[in-house]
């Protein structure tokens, strides 16, 4: 698949309530959904498309309730963040 098709598939899967074009114009919500609900293959695709830094920034910028506490804890450990960041 091409990167565009992969991105559109992720957008349709994780942010199904709006058009993929809208989601991809600002993928922050998509990245939060992948951190909250994503399968490992989808996470790896997101890393390839947007980079680890974008996922880390999505985690740090997540609005209350966008990422559940268990996922927050997991990803904070994964990205090497402590509680002060």
Protein backbone atom coordinates (compact mmCIF):
# COMPACT_ATOMS: atom_id res chain seq x y z
CA UNK A 1 0.00 0.00 0.00
CA UNK A 2 1.06 3.56 -0.48
CA UNK A 3 1.46 5.91 2.44
CA UNK A 4 -1.67 7.80 1.41
CA UNK A 5 -3.77 4.64 1.37
CA UNK A 6 -2.34 3.52 4.71
CA UNK A 7 -3.10 6.91 6.28
CA UNK A 8 -6.65 6.93 4.90
CA UNK A 9 -7.27 3.41 6.22
CA UNK A 10 -6.07 4.39 9.68
CA UNK A 11 -8.24 7.52 9.59
CA UNK A 12 -11.35 5.55 8.57
CA UNK A 13 -10.66 2.89 11.20
CA UNK A 14 -9.91 5.07 14.22
CA UNK A 15 -11.83 8.29 13.50
CA UNK A 16 -14.79 6.75 11.68
CA UNK A 17 -17.20 9.59 12.47
CA UNK A 18 -15.62 12.11 10.09
CA UNK A 19 -14.18 12.05 6.57
CA UNK A 20 -10.62 10.77 6.32
CA UNK A 21 -9.56 14.04 4.65
CA UNK A 22 -10.69 16.01 7.71
CA UNK A 23 -8.85 13.66 10.06
CA UNK A 24 -5.65 13.72 8.03
CA UNK A 25 -5.61 17.52 7.78
CA UNK A 26 -4.81 17.48 11.53
CA UNK A 27 -3.92 13.91 12.58
CA UNK A 28 -3.58 14.64 16.33
CA UNK A 29 -6.96 13.01 17.14
CA UNK A 30 -6.07 10.01 14.98
CA UNK A 31 -2.76 9.55 16.77
CA UNK A 32 -4.50 9.74 20.16
CA UNK A 33 -6.99 7.11 19.01
CA UNK A 34 -4.15 4.84 17.89
CA UNK A 35 -2.44 5.27 21.26
CA UNK A 36 -5.72 4.43 22.99
CA UNK A 37 -7.16 1.69 20.77
CA UNK A 38 -4.54 0.76 18.21
CA UNK A 39 -3.22 -2.62 17.22
CA UNK A 40 0.55 -3.00 17.12
CA UNK A 41 0.60 -3.07 13.30
CA UNK A 42 -1.35 0.19 13.19
CA UNK A 43 1.04 1.77 15.69
CA UNK A 44 4.00 0.74 13.50
CA UNK A 45 2.27 2.18 10.44
CA UNK A 46 1.67 5.44 12.32
CA UNK A 47 5.35 5.57 13.31
CA UNK A 48 6.33 5.08 9.66
CA UNK A 49 3.91 7.78 8.47
CA UNK A 50 4.22 10.45 11.18
CA UNK A 51 7.21 9.41 13.30
CA UNK A 52 7.61 8.57 16.97
CA UNK A 53 7.86 12.26 17.82
CA UNK A 54 4.36 12.96 16.53
CA UNK A 55 2.92 10.13 18.63
CA UNK A 56 4.78 11.38 21.68
CA UNK A 57 3.47 14.90 21.10
CA UNK A 58 -0.07 13.54 20.68
CA UNK A 59 0.30 11.80 24.05
CA UNK A 60 1.59 14.94 25.74
CA UNK A 61 -1.08 17.12 24.14
CA UNK A 62 -4.01 14.76 24.67
CA UNK A 63 -7.12 16.34 26.10
CA UNK A 64 -8.60 14.87 29.29
CA UNK A 65 -10.31 11.58 28.44
CA UNK A 66 -8.78 11.19 24.98
CA UNK A 67 -6.40 8.50 26.19
CA UNK A 68 -7.42 6.26 29.08
CA UNK A 69 -5.18 6.10 32.19
CA UNK A 70 -3.89 2.59 31.46
CA UNK A 71 -2.83 3.58 27.92
CA UNK A 72 -1.38 6.87 29.23
CA UNK A 73 0.76 4.92 31.69
CA UNK A 74 1.92 2.41 29.06
CA UNK A 75 2.86 5.05 26.48
CA UNK A 76 4.54 7.31 29.03
CA UNK A 77 6.77 4.35 29.94
CA UNK A 78 7.30 3.48 26.27
CA UNK A 79 8.36 7.04 25.40
CA UNK A 80 10.56 7.36 28.51
CA UNK A 81 8.50 10.10 30.12
CA UNK A 82 8.28 10.57 33.84
CA UNK A 83 5.34 12.04 35.74
CA UNK A 84 6.78 15.56 35.66
CA UNK A 85 6.49 15.89 31.86
